[in-house]
Protein backbone atom coordinates (compact mmCIF):
# COMPACT_ATOMS: atom_id res chain seq x y z
CA UNK A 1 -23.38 -2.00 0.94
CA UNK A 2 -20.71 -2.67 -1.66
CA UNK A 3 -20.88 -4.53 -5.08
CA UNK A 4 -19.50 -7.33 -5.03
CA UNK A 5 -17.63 -8.86 -8.01
CA UNK A 6 -16.31 -12.73 -8.10
CA UNK A 7 -15.58 -14.03 -11.74
CA UNK A 8 -12.29 -13.24 -12.27
CA UNK A 9 -9.57 -16.10 -11.96
CA UNK A 10 -7.76 -16.32 -8.82
CA UNK A 11 -5.00 -17.37 -11.52
CA UNK A 12 -4.71 -13.92 -12.77
CA UNK A 13 -3.56 -12.14 -9.70
CA UNK A 14 0.00 -12.06 -8.67
CA UNK A 15 0.78 -11.79 -5.20
CA UNK A 16 4.05 -10.13 -3.96
CA UNK A 17 6.45 -12.38 -1.85
CA UNK A 18 7.89 -10.16 0.91
CA UNK A 19 9.45 -12.27 3.24
CA UNK A 20 12.38 -10.12 3.56
CA UNK A 21 10.79 -7.56 4.65
CA UNK A 22 10.03 -8.64 8.09
CA UNK A 23 12.86 -6.74 9.60
CA UNK A 24 14.18 -4.33 6.48
CA UNK A 25 13.16 -3.30 3.18
CA UNK A 26 17.04 -4.45 1.89
CA UNK A 27 15.19 -7.23 0.31
CA UNK A 28 11.90 -6.66 -0.86
CA UNK A 29 10.65 -9.69 -2.60
CA UNK A 30 8.80 -9.71 -6.01
CA UNK A 31 9.21 -11.39 -9.23
CA UNK A 32 7.14 -8.68 -10.75
CA UNK A 33 8.95 -5.49 -9.65
CA UNK A 34 11.93 -3.67 -11.06
CA UNK A 35 12.19 -0.24 -11.94
CA UNK A 36 13.45 1.10 -15.43
CA UNK A 37 15.77 3.99 -16.08
CA UNK A 38 13.94 5.93 -18.58
CA UNK A 39 16.05 9.20 -20.55
CA UNK A 40 13.63 12.22 -19.49
CA UNK A 41 15.20 14.88 -17.55
CA UNK A 42 12.52 17.71 -16.80
CA UNK A 43 13.75 21.30 -17.59
CA UNK A 44 12.62 24.76 -17.84
CA UNK A 45 11.76 25.51 -21.61
CA UNK A 46 13.53 23.68 -24.29
CA UNK A 47 17.22 22.89 -23.58
CA UNK A 48 19.73 23.02 -26.47
CA UNK A 49 20.98 19.60 -27.73
CA UNK A 50 23.92 19.13 -26.02
CA UNK A 51 22.42 20.17 -22.50
CA UNK A 52 19.95 17.60 -23.50
CA UNK A 53 22.67 14.78 -23.82
CA UNK A 54 25.02 15.89 -20.92
CA UNK A 55 21.75 15.24 -18.90
CA UNK A 56 20.94 11.92 -20.02
CA UNK A 57 24.63 10.56 -19.00
CA UNK A 58 24.70 9.52 -15.43
CA UNK A 59 27.91 10.78 -14.88
CA UNK A 60 27.10 14.42 -16.36
CA UNK A 61 28.90 16.78 -13.98
CA UNK A 62 26.56 19.48 -15.25
CA UNK A 63 23.17 20.67 -13.98
CA UNK A 64 19.89 22.04 -16.00
CA UNK A 65 17.13 23.78 -14.22
CA UNK A 66 14.36 21.56 -12.77
CA UNK A 67 10.92 22.57 -12.91
CA UNK A 68 7.79 20.18 -11.85
CA UNK A 69 5.27 21.63 -14.71
CA UNK A 70 8.03 21.08 -17.06
CA UNK A 71 8.35 17.54 -15.72
CA UNK A 72 4.43 17.33 -16.25
CA UNK A 73 4.70 18.71 -19.88
CA UNK A 74 7.34 15.94 -20.64
CA UNK A 75 5.21 13.36 -19.27
CA UNK A 76 2.27 14.06 -21.04
CA UNK A 77 4.38 14.28 -24.24
CA UNK A 78 5.89 11.08 -23.63
CA UNK A 79 2.41 9.61 -23.44
CA UNK A 80 2.10 10.02 -27.31
CA UNK A 81 4.87 8.19 -27.94
CA UNK A 82 5.76 4.56 -28.04
CA UNK A 83 6.99 2.77 -24.62
CA UNK A 84 10.71 1.62 -24.39
CA UNK A 85 11.19 -0.76 -21.80
CA UNK A 86 15.26 0.04 -20.89
CA UNK A 87 16.06 -3.45 -19.22
CA UNK A 88 19.45 -2.59 -17.12
CA UNK A 89 22.36 -4.50 -19.18
CA UNK A 90 23.56 -6.03 -15.79
CA UNK A 91 27.19 -8.29 -15.67
CA UNK A 92 25.96 -11.60 -15.43
CA UNK A 93 27.63 -11.90 -11.93
CA UNK A 94 24.69 -9.29 -10.66
CA UNK A 95 22.09 -10.39 -13.09
CA UNK A 96 22.50 -14.09 -11.56
CA UNK A 97 22.38 -13.30 -7.99
CA UNK A 98 19.71 -15.45 -5.79
CA UNK A 99 17.85 -14.03 -3.25
CA UNK A 100 20.24 -14.77 -0.38
CA UNK A 101 23.38 -13.40 -2.67
CA UNK A 102 21.52 -10.22 -3.20
CA UNK A 103 20.81 -9.73 0.26
CA UNK A 104 24.39 -9.99 1.22
CA UNK A 105 25.02 -6.64 -0.69
CA UNK A 106 24.46 -3.72 1.47
CA UNK A 107 25.08 0.05 1.29
CA UNK A 108 27.89 1.27 3.74
CA UNK A 109 26.20 3.41 6.03
CA UNK A 110 29.16 5.74 6.20
CA UNK A 111 28.73 6.41 2.68
CA UNK A 112 25.48 7.77 3.31
CA UNK A 113 24.50 10.61 1.03
CA UNK A 114 24.22 13.97 3.51
CA UNK A 115 25.88 12.02 6.47
CA UNK A 116 27.89 14.31 7.77
CA UNK A 117 26.08 17.72 6.93
CA UNK A 118 23.41 17.90 9.75
CA UNK A 119 20.54 17.67 7.27
CA UNK A 120 18.88 14.75 9.27
CA UNK A 121 17.76 12.97 6.17
CA UNK A 122 19.93 10.53 5.08
CA UNK A 123 19.93 8.61 1.55
CA UNK A 124 21.45 5.06 0.62
CA UNK A 125 20.89 3.41 -2.58
CA UNK A 126 20.11 -0.13 -3.37
CA UNK A 127 22.20 -2.43 -5.98
CA UNK A 128 20.60 -4.57 -9.12
CA UNK A 129 20.34 -7.83 -9.36
CA UNK A 130 18.25 -10.77 -8.58
CA UNK A 131 14.59 -10.08 -9.41
CA UNK A 132 15.63 -6.19 -9.79
CA UNK A 133 16.87 -5.91 -13.49
CA UNK A 134 15.71 -2.50 -14.31
CA UNK A 135 18.22 0.65 -12.60
CA UNK A 136 16.63 3.96 -11.82
CA UNK A 137 18.43 7.50 -12.09
CA UNK A 138 18.48 9.41 -8.78
CA UNK A 139 19.13 12.96 -9.35
CA UNK A 140 19.81 15.74 -6.60
CA UNK A 141 18.11 19.11 -6.92
CA UNK A 142 20.38 22.25 -5.78
CA UNK A 143 19.67 25.44 -6.06
CA UNK A 144 17.12 24.55 -8.76
CA UNK A 145 19.70 22.38 -10.86
CA UNK A 146 19.35 18.65 -10.83
CA UNK A 147 22.34 16.44 -11.10
CA UNK A 148 22.43 12.97 -11.19
CA UNK A 149 23.84 11.76 -7.78
CA UNK A 150 26.96 9.46 -7.80
CA UNK A 151 27.31 5.93 -6.72
CA UNK A 152 29.80 3.48 -7.07
CA UNK A 153 30.65 -0.17 -6.19
CA UNK A 154 32.74 0.85 -3.63
CA UNK A 155 29.46 2.77 -1.70
CA UNK A 156 28.73 -1.25 -1.27
CA UNK A 157 29.58 -3.82 0.88
CA UNK A 158 29.78 -7.66 -0.46
CA UNK A 159 29.10 -10.16 2.72
CA UNK A 160 29.95 -13.62 2.47
CA UNK A 161 29.78 -15.94 0.86
CA UNK A 162 30.21 -13.22 -1.95
CA UNK A 163 33.62 -12.67 -3.28
CA UNK A 164 33.95 -8.88 -2.95
CA UNK A 165 37.00 -8.64 -5.46
CA UNK A 166 34.59 -9.83 -8.42
CA UNK A 167 32.08 -6.69 -7.61
CA UNK A 168 34.97 -4.17 -7.00
CA UNK A 169 36.04 -4.71 -10.21
CA UNK A 170 32.88 -4.30 -12.21
CA UNK A 171 31.55 -0.92 -13.61
CA UNK A 172 28.60 -0.15 -11.04
CA UNK A 173 25.50 -0.65 -13.27
CA UNK A 174 23.34 1.64 -11.61
CA UNK A 175 21.19 1.58 -8.40
CA UNK A 176 17.59 -0.04 -8.37
CA UNK A 177 16.08 2.30 -5.84
CA UNK A 178 16.71 4.13 -2.40
CA UNK A 179 15.93 4.61 1.26
CA UNK A 180 15.85 7.68 3.60
CA UNK A 181 16.78 8.00 6.86
CA UNK A 182 15.40 10.21 9.38
CA UNK A 183 15.77 10.40 13.59
CA UNK A 184 12.48 8.83 13.39
CA UNK A 185 12.28 6.97 16.94
CA UNK A 186 15.16 8.81 18.63
CA UNK A 187 17.50 12.08 18.17
CA UNK A 188 21.01 10.20 18.46
CA UNK A 189 19.85 7.58 15.43
CA UNK A 190 19.05 8.09 11.96
CA UNK A 191 15.84 5.13 11.33
CA UNK A 192 14.82 3.83 7.75
CA UNK A 193 11.99 6.05 6.85
CA UNK A 194 11.07 5.52 3.53
CA UNK A 195 11.86 2.66 0.90
CA UNK A 196 11.36 3.21 -2.99
CA UNK A 197 12.26 -0.28 -4.37
CA UNK A 198 10.50 -2.09 -7.42
CA UNK A 199 7.84 -0.78 -9.83
CA UNK A 200 6.60 1.88 -8.25
CA UNK A 201 6.19 0.72 -4.81
CA UNK A 202 7.15 2.32 -1.41
CA UNK A 203 6.81 1.42 2.07
CA UNK A 204 7.07 3.97 5.01
CA UNK A 205 7.11 4.13 8.53
CA UNK A 206 5.64 6.29 11.84
CA UNK A 207 7.27 6.54 15.06
CA UNK A 208 7.05 3.12 16.30
CA UNK A 209 6.37 0.87 13.35
CA UNK A 210 8.04 -1.63 11.61
CA UNK A 211 7.15 -2.48 7.84
CA UNK A 212 4.25 -3.71 7.21
CA UNK A 213 2.14 -2.65 3.94
CA UNK A 214 3.02 -0.99 0.79
CA UNK A 215 1.93 1.96 -1.19
CA UNK A 216 2.07 2.06 -5.13
CA UNK A 217 2.37 5.35 -7.55
CA UNK A 218 -0.28 3.35 -9.66
CA UNK A 219 -2.04 0.08 -10.28
CA UNK A 220 -3.21 -0.84 -13.55
CA UNK A 221 -5.49 -3.96 -14.58
CA UNK A 222 -5.28 -5.50 -11.25
CA UNK A 223 -7.74 -8.03 -10.71
CA UNK A 224 -9.32 -7.46 -14.29
CA UNK A 225 -9.29 -10.70 -15.75
CA UNK A 226 -6.25 -10.08 -17.68
CA UNK A 227 -2.21 -9.59 -17.26
CA UNK A 228 -1.67 -7.23 -14.62
CA UNK A 229 0.56 -4.06 -15.43
CA UNK A 230 3.15 -2.71 -13.29
CA UNK A 231 4.14 1.04 -14.10
CA UNK A 232 7.91 2.06 -13.05
CA UNK A 233 9.05 5.16 -11.39
CA UNK A 234 11.98 5.37 -13.98
CA UNK A 235 13.84 8.46 -12.58
CA UNK A 236 14.04 10.87 -9.23
CA UNK A 237 14.77 13.93 -8.47
CA UNK A 238 15.36 14.94 -4.94
CA UNK A 239 15.69 17.89 -3.39
CA UNK A 240 18.82 18.33 -0.99
CA UNK A 241 16.88 18.88 2.57
CA UNK A 242 17.91 22.43 4.48
CA UNK A 243 20.10 21.73 7.32
CA UNK A 244 18.15 20.39 10.30
CA UNK A 245 15.18 19.59 7.54
CA UNK A 246 11.89 18.47 9.07
CA UNK A 247 10.60 17.44 6.00
CA UNK A 248 12.10 16.49 2.20
CA UNK A 249 10.52 16.41 -0.77
CA UNK A 250 11.16 14.97 -4.18
CA UNK A 251 9.52 14.05 -7.85
CA UNK A 252 9.40 10.99 -9.54
CA UNK A 253 8.85 10.13 -13.63
CA UNK A 254 6.64 6.48 -13.81
CA UNK A 255 6.31 5.12 -17.18
CA UNK A 256 4.69 1.79 -18.56
CA UNK A 257 3.61 0.48 -21.87
CA UNK A 258 -0.05 2.20 -21.51
CA UNK A 259 0.60 5.03 -18.76
CA UNK A 260 3.06 8.13 -18.00
CA UNK A 261 3.02 9.99 -14.72
CA UNK A 262 4.95 12.82 -12.90
CA UNK A 263 4.87 12.82 -9.06
CA UNK A 264 5.58 14.71 -6.16
CA UNK A 265 6.37 13.62 -2.81
CA UNK A 266 6.68 15.65 0.34
CA UNK A 267 7.53 13.98 3.59
CA UNK A 268 7.08 14.95 6.84
CA UNK A 269 7.95 12.07 9.71
CA UNK A 270 6.51 11.59 12.93
CA UNK A 271 4.31 9.64 15.16
CA UNK A 272 2.41 10.44 11.89
CA UNK A 273 4.11 10.20 8.96
CA UNK A 274 3.04 12.53 6.44
CA UNK A 275 3.24 12.02 2.79
CA UNK A 276 1.63 14.29 0.22
CA UNK A 277 1.27 13.36 -3.29
CA UNK A 278 0.39 15.36 -6.12
CA UNK A 279 0.42 13.49 -9.46
CA UNK A 280 -0.13 13.83 -13.15
CA UNK A 281 -1.06 10.54 -14.89
CA UNK A 282 -2.00 10.03 -18.78
CA UNK A 283 -2.85 7.25 -20.59
CA UNK A 284 -1.01 6.01 -24.01
CA UNK A 285 -3.22 2.99 -24.00
CA UNK A 286 -6.99 2.06 -22.91
CA UNK A 287 -7.00 0.45 -19.65
CA UNK A 288 -9.74 -1.71 -17.77
CA UNK A 289 -9.30 -0.60 -14.57
CA UNK A 290 -6.96 2.26 -13.15
CA UNK A 291 -6.32 2.29 -9.64
CA UNK A 292 -5.14 5.64 -7.88
CA UNK A 293 -3.34 5.78 -4.15
CA UNK A 294 -3.28 1.95 -4.46
CA UNK A 295 -2.45 0.13 -1.10
CA UNK A 296 -1.05 -3.63 -0.75
CA UNK A 297 -0.98 -5.86 2.06
CA UNK A 298 -1.09 -9.08 3.48
CA UNK A 299 -3.79 -10.78 5.76
CA UNK A 300 -3.58 -14.65 6.03
CA UNK A 301 -5.58 -15.61 9.14
CA UNK A 302 -7.29 -13.59 11.71
CA UNK A 303 -10.00 -13.77 14.53
CA UNK A 304 -12.66 -13.96 11.89
CA UNK A 305 -10.75 -15.95 9.04
CA UNK A 306 -8.55 -19.16 10.72
CA UNK A 307 -10.11 -21.76 8.40
CA UNK A 308 -6.92 -24.29 6.95
CA UNK A 309 -4.21 -23.10 9.33
CA UNK A 310 -2.38 -25.09 11.76
CA UNK A 311 -0.37 -22.45 13.20
CA UNK A 312 0.21 -21.67 17.24
CA UNK A 313 -0.03 -17.66 16.22
CA UNK A 314 -3.56 -16.70 16.46
CA UNK A 315 -3.51 -13.94 13.88
CA UNK A 316 -1.10 -13.70 11.18
CA UNK A 317 -1.95 -10.30 8.71
CA UNK A 318 -0.10 -6.47 8.06
CA UNK A 319 -3.33 -5.19 8.28
CA UNK A 320 -7.05 -6.38 9.64
CA UNK A 321 -9.80 -4.48 7.82
CA UNK A 322 -10.52 -1.63 5.12
CA UNK A 323 -12.12 1.60 6.36
CA UNK A 324 -13.92 3.97 4.16
CA UNK A 325 -14.95 7.47 4.93
CA UNK A 326 -18.02 8.72 2.71
CA UNK A 327 -18.88 11.89 1.68
CA UNK A 328 -22.00 11.90 3.37
CA UNK A 329 -19.48 11.26 6.99
CA UNK A 330 -20.87 7.77 6.96
CA UNK A 331 -17.50 5.50 8.08
CA UNK A 332 -17.34 2.19 7.14
CA UNK A 333 -15.33 -0.86 8.64
CA UNK A 334 -14.57 -4.12 6.76
CA UNK A 335 -12.56 -6.78 7.94
CA UNK A 336 -10.28 -8.56 5.70
CA UNK A 337 -10.39 -12.05 4.96
CA UNK A 338 -8.48 -14.64 2.73
CA UNK A 339 -10.94 -16.28 0.68
CA UNK A 340 -10.65 -19.50 -1.23
CA UNK A 341 -11.02 -17.88 -4.50
CA UNK A 342 -10.62 -14.06 -5.43
CA UNK A 343 -13.28 -11.77 -4.05
CA UNK A 344 -13.54 -8.43 -5.52
CA UNK A 345 -15.84 -5.45 -3.21
CA UNK A 346 -16.42 -2.08 -4.76
CA UNK A 347 -18.01 0.68 -2.72
CA UNK A 348 -19.40 3.27 -5.60
CA UNK A 349 -18.69 6.75 -3.92
CA UNK A 350 -18.69 10.71 -5.17
CA UNK A 351 -15.44 12.67 -3.98
CA UNK A 352 -14.94 10.13 -1.00
CA UNK A 353 -13.35 11.55 2.25
CA UNK A 354 -10.78 9.04 2.80
CA UNK A 355 -10.12 5.40 3.14
CA UNK A 356 -7.32 2.98 4.24
CA UNK A 357 -5.78 -0.40 5.49
CA UNK A 358 -5.82 -0.05 8.72
CA UNK A 359 -4.44 -2.56 11.90
CA UNK A 360 -6.84 -1.68 14.39
CA UNK A 361 -5.29 -5.07 16.58
CA UNK A 362 -2.62 -3.78 18.67
CA UNK A 363 -2.19 -6.55 21.17
CA UNK A 364 0.80 -8.33 21.33
CA UNK A 365 -0.76 -11.69 22.66
CA UNK A 366 -2.87 -11.52 19.88
CA UNK A 367 -0.05 -12.43 17.71
CA UNK A 368 2.12 -14.38 19.75
CA UNK A 369 5.18 -13.08 17.28
CA UNK A 370 8.17 -11.70 18.77
CA UNK A 371 10.09 -11.36 15.40
CA UNK A 372 7.04 -10.27 12.87
CA UNK A 373 5.31 -7.89 15.56
CA UNK A 374 2.41 -7.65 13.35
CA UNK A 375 0.97 -5.50 16.41
CA UNK A 376 3.35 -2.77 15.18
CA UNK A 377 2.74 -2.81 11.60
CA UNK A 378 1.41 0.60 10.20
CA UNK A 379 -1.93 1.47 9.32
CA UNK A 380 -2.17 3.72 6.34
CA UNK A 381 -5.07 6.33 5.66
CA UNK A 382 -5.43 8.32 2.14
CA UNK A 383 -7.31 11.57 2.18
CA UNK A 384 -8.42 13.11 -1.11
CA UNK A 385 -7.33 16.85 -1.48
CA UNK A 386 -9.98 18.46 -4.04
CA UNK A 387 -12.60 16.21 -5.72
CA UNK A 388 -12.14 13.53 -7.22
CA UNK A 389 -15.00 12.71 -8.77
CA UNK A 390 -17.40 9.67 -9.59
CA UNK A 391 -15.75 6.33 -8.68
CA UNK A 392 -15.55 3.48 -6.42
CA UNK A 393 -13.07 2.15 -3.45
CA UNK A 394 -11.87 -1.32 -4.42
CA UNK A 395 -10.64 -4.09 -2.67
CA UNK A 396 -9.34 -7.48 -4.07
CA UNK A 397 -8.74 -10.22 -1.71
CA UNK A 398 -6.78 -12.87 -3.18
CA UNK A 399 -6.20 -16.28 -1.65
CA UNK A 400 -2.77 -17.19 -0.29
CA UNK A 401 -1.29 -19.94 2.01
CA UNK A 402 1.92 -18.13 2.87
CA UNK A 403 2.60 -14.53 4.92
CA UNK A 404 5.21 -13.91 2.41
CA UNK A 405 2.44 -12.73 -0.21
CA UNK A 406 0.72 -9.56 -0.11
CA UNK A 407 -2.63 -10.89 -1.39
CA UNK A 408 -5.29 -7.51 -0.38
CA UNK A 409 -5.43 -4.55 -2.61
CA UNK A 410 -7.53 -1.68 -2.40
CA UNK A 411 -7.45 2.03 -4.39
CA UNK A 412 -9.44 4.56 -5.56
CA UNK A 413 -10.82 3.51 -9.15
CA UNK A 414 -12.23 6.39 -11.18
CA UNK A 415 -15.25 6.23 -13.35
CA UNK A 416 -14.05 7.91 -15.91
CA UNK A 417 -10.87 8.65 -17.76
CA UNK A 418 -9.72 5.09 -18.65
CA UNK A 419 -9.09 5.37 -22.49
CA UNK A 420 -5.78 6.57 -24.53
CA UNK A 421 -5.42 10.54 -24.03
CA UNK A 422 -7.25 10.92 -21.10
CA UNK A 423 -5.29 12.29 -17.60
CA UNK A 424 -5.79 12.42 -14.61
CA UNK A 425 -4.63 15.25 -11.99
CA UNK A 426 -5.01 14.32 -8.35
CA UNK A 427 -3.52 15.31 -4.87
CA UNK A 428 -3.72 13.13 -1.70
CA UNK A 429 -2.09 12.94 1.37
CA UNK A 430 -0.96 9.57 3.12
CA UNK A 431 -0.55 9.19 6.96
CA UNK A 432 1.25 6.29 8.00
CA UNK A 433 0.77 5.40 12.10
CA UNK A 434 -0.25 3.04 14.99
CA UNK A 435 -3.62 5.22 15.16
CA UNK A 436 -4.77 6.94 12.22
CA UNK A 437 -8.22 7.47 12.76
CA UNK A 438 -7.71 9.66 15.89
CA UNK A 439 -11.49 10.64 18.06
CA UNK A 440 -13.79 9.52 16.18
CA UNK A 441 -17.56 10.45 17.64
CA UNK A 442 -19.00 7.00 16.79
CA UNK A 443 -18.78 3.50 17.86
CA UNK A 444 -16.61 0.88 16.33
CA UNK A 445 -16.14 -2.40 15.66
CA UNK A 446 -13.75 -4.27 18.06
CA UNK A 447 -13.85 -7.43 16.90
CA UNK A 448 -15.77 -9.66 14.16
CA UNK A 449 -16.09 -13.54 14.99
CA UNK A 450 -17.66 -16.15 12.34
CA UNK A 451 -18.68 -19.76 12.55
CA UNK A 452 -20.52 -22.61 11.91
CA UNK A 453 -24.42 -21.27 12.17
CA UNK A 454 -27.28 -23.07 14.33
CA UNK A 455 -26.82 -24.11 17.71
CA UNK A 456 -24.14 -26.21 19.40
CA UNK A 457 -24.44 -30.07 19.52
CA UNK A 458 -26.57 -29.74 16.75
CA UNK A 459 -25.77 -31.04 13.09
CA UNK A 460 -24.90 -27.64 11.27
CA UNK A 461 -26.39 -26.83 7.81
CA UNK A 462 -23.30 -25.81 5.39
CA UNK A 463 -25.76 -23.14 4.18
CA UNK A 464 -26.19 -21.56 7.65
CA UNK A 465 -23.08 -19.38 9.01
CA UNK A 466 -23.08 -17.47 12.26
CA UNK A 467 -21.76 -13.65 12.39
CA UNK A 468 -20.81 -12.18 15.97
CA UNK A 469 -19.84 -8.33 15.75
CA UNK A 470 -18.97 -6.65 18.81
CA UNK A 471 -19.33 -2.62 19.09
CA UNK A 472 -18.10 -0.26 21.77
CA UNK A 473 -16.92 3.01 22.64
CA UNK A 474 -18.51 6.68 21.62
CA UNK A 475 -22.17 7.41 22.33
CA UNK A 476 -21.84 3.76 23.64
CA UNK A 477 -20.68 4.64 27.09
CA UNK A 478 -22.57 5.12 29.95
CA UNK A 479 -25.52 3.60 28.02
CA UNK A 480 -27.26 0.71 30.32
CA UNK A 481 -28.89 -2.69 29.04
CA UNK A 482 -32.23 -0.57 29.22
CA UNK A 483 -31.28 1.77 26.32
CA UNK A 484 -33.74 1.07 23.23
CA UNK A 485 -30.65 -0.17 20.72
CA UNK A 486 -31.55 -1.31 17.52
CA UNK A 487 -29.63 -2.53 14.36
CA UNK A 488 -29.55 -1.53 10.61
CA UNK A 489 -28.93 -4.95 9.45
CA UNK A 490 -29.04 -5.48 5.52
CA UNK A 491 -28.15 -8.64 3.99
CA UNK A 492 -27.43 -9.64 0.15
CA UNK A 493 -28.09 -12.99 -1.31
CA UNK A 494 -29.07 -14.39 1.99
CA UNK A 495 -31.81 -14.39 4.42
CA UNK A 496 -31.73 -14.01 8.34
CA UNK A 497 -32.54 -17.15 10.04
CA UNK A 498 -31.59 -15.47 13.63
CA UNK A 499 -30.61 -12.12 15.52
CA UNK A 500 -30.07 -11.06 18.83
CA UNK A 501 -28.31 -7.55 19.88
CA UNK A 502 -27.26 -6.99 23.52
CA UNK A 503 -25.57 -5.09 26.10
CA UNK A 504 -22.77 -7.05 27.25
CA UNK A 505 -22.46 -6.89 31.41
CA UNK A 506 -19.74 -4.72 33.18
CA UNK A 507 -18.45 -2.71 30.10
CA UNK A 508 -20.02 -0.84 27.09
CA UNK A 509 -19.78 -3.30 24.79
CA UNK A 510 -22.60 -4.15 22.19
CA UNK A 511 -22.86 -7.49 20.93
CA UNK A 512 -24.91 -8.26 17.57
CA UNK A 513 -25.09 -12.27 16.74
CA UNK A 514 -26.88 -13.02 13.64
CA UNK A 515 -27.18 -16.68 11.81
CA UNK A 516 -27.64 -16.21 7.85
CA UNK A 517 -28.77 -18.88 5.47
CA UNK A 518 -27.14 -18.16 1.78
CA UNK A 519 -29.55 -18.13 -1.06
CA UNK A 520 -27.42 -18.77 -4.38
CA UNK A 521 -24.55 -20.97 -3.32
CA UNK A 522 -22.37 -19.32 -6.50
CA UNK A 523 -22.37 -15.94 -5.18
CA UNK A 524 -21.25 -14.67 -1.92
CA UNK A 525 -23.62 -13.02 0.62
CA UNK A 526 -23.29 -9.25 1.24
CA UNK A 527 -23.74 -8.18 5.03
CA UNK A 528 -24.06 -4.87 6.51
CA UNK A 529 -24.83 -3.45 10.02
CA UNK A 530 -25.26 -0.44 12.34
CA UNK A 531 -26.16 0.32 15.63
CA UNK A 532 -29.37 2.94 15.58
CA UNK A 533 -31.08 4.92 18.72
CA UNK A 534 -33.70 7.16 18.19
CA UNK A 535 -33.62 7.27 14.57
CA UNK A 536 -29.65 8.11 15.04
CA UNK A 537 -27.14 6.14 13.87
CA UNK A 538 -24.26 5.58 16.88
CA UNK A 539 -21.54 3.32 15.29
CA UNK A 540 -19.84 3.12 11.95
CA UNK A 541 -20.98 0.34 9.36
CA UNK A 542 -19.97 -2.87 9.94
CA UNK A 543 -19.49 -4.40 6.13
CA UNK A 544 -18.35 -8.09 5.65
CA UNK A 545 -17.93 -10.46 2.32
CA UNK A 546 -19.19 -14.11 3.00
CA UNK A 547 -17.61 -16.28 0.12
CA UNK A 548 -16.26 -19.57 0.22
CA UNK A 549 -14.45 -21.59 2.99
CA UNK A 550 -10.86 -22.67 2.18
């Protein structure tokens, strides 16, 4: 069962407005995002001063050697120096762009990098302005040499109501991010595959997906009771892909007041788009909470949590649950919720085998939204490579009244290494797809329902709540109602008033119904349940937090 923490005020938790990402990443919203340029060019050995100065110039024609370990060493050295926030000096007309005006500036597809070179991948840049007041440096690695990519105002189109002549006359202030395109869904069209835009945020797609949740390079002091810090990817080094390439590799520098980092990404697109990440993170200051491999999503309401929403749609969410594969092999499923006040759950573990935010419900009629297409939002699974040591999978659920807000955060939180001078080297694989679980030899949770406790037509007790959990699949197939099935049920801060487990006729579904009375109204109730037969666990472990109603 998770350890619950709930004392952090919701006011300290920012949410990410992402309404513009429903169909495209071109207008990713967040008042907290942005990417800073920082002069830190990786190299082999010590470059002469004139070579270093040339590397810092955005238009430098000459490249210098790129080396991953040299980049790591440089970012480690930077952790011993004060942070400098290089906010871009944007022209007034660019800095003053509002949401609609910024969306009217689009990269010209016919100007895409590598477009005519049969490399499968194409790259497009994002224009700065509006909330994106930082620019990033984007360099291309060819034959081991890194050279700045050249973007200009001519690479963009300025749609009405903008006056194109104003922008064409400006010196291009630099890109705020980039996206890669690849023939993901059909061979004759290069779909948008992955976007890096704002702080250390990125979003990717598997085949048949539409954009949903985001990942981040790093989370610092999320839901820690103080202002959250948002590290930024400040510079990217992208290896020019081979002809007919099936994967692409690039590197990034990361900085914020209290951290620096070097990241390597290898992306293999497909039905499951795989992203292999290697990271070296260095702390230049103490932190309260360090979030590794963080995921950020939206959950407004669903089958287990509809209170307070007058909406024709049955469900609205990018993901409906947190899944964890523990070191012991136990699988945990935690349905998401939209609480009335900040909810935190901490699942202690040593060397987890994986975790992720999943969208299990793939039935279009369960959403009734032909524009947002929530049934096609990707699930993301994070699989550690090597030992991650002791720590916890951390889940924060933030109250929200709009689907434009990202209000769910999940990440790995190491137990140690939170003080200045600490460093973390880690590797992990991310899987972005409709189905990231594959064949699991256990029954899974099909649905969770909650409601007032007690019996219909009888006055209810606000301190009693009913929970319905349906298990199906795996070893439950073929079992009749005569099977000696039991449930391992645990309740924290509550007592079981009523419990029944029964086989539903005509299918392989087993239904658990539990009424629970809260013990301490100031604290949430934690529940967990798993099906057991003859001493053997047949299902994943369902967990839930009953907080306070909206």
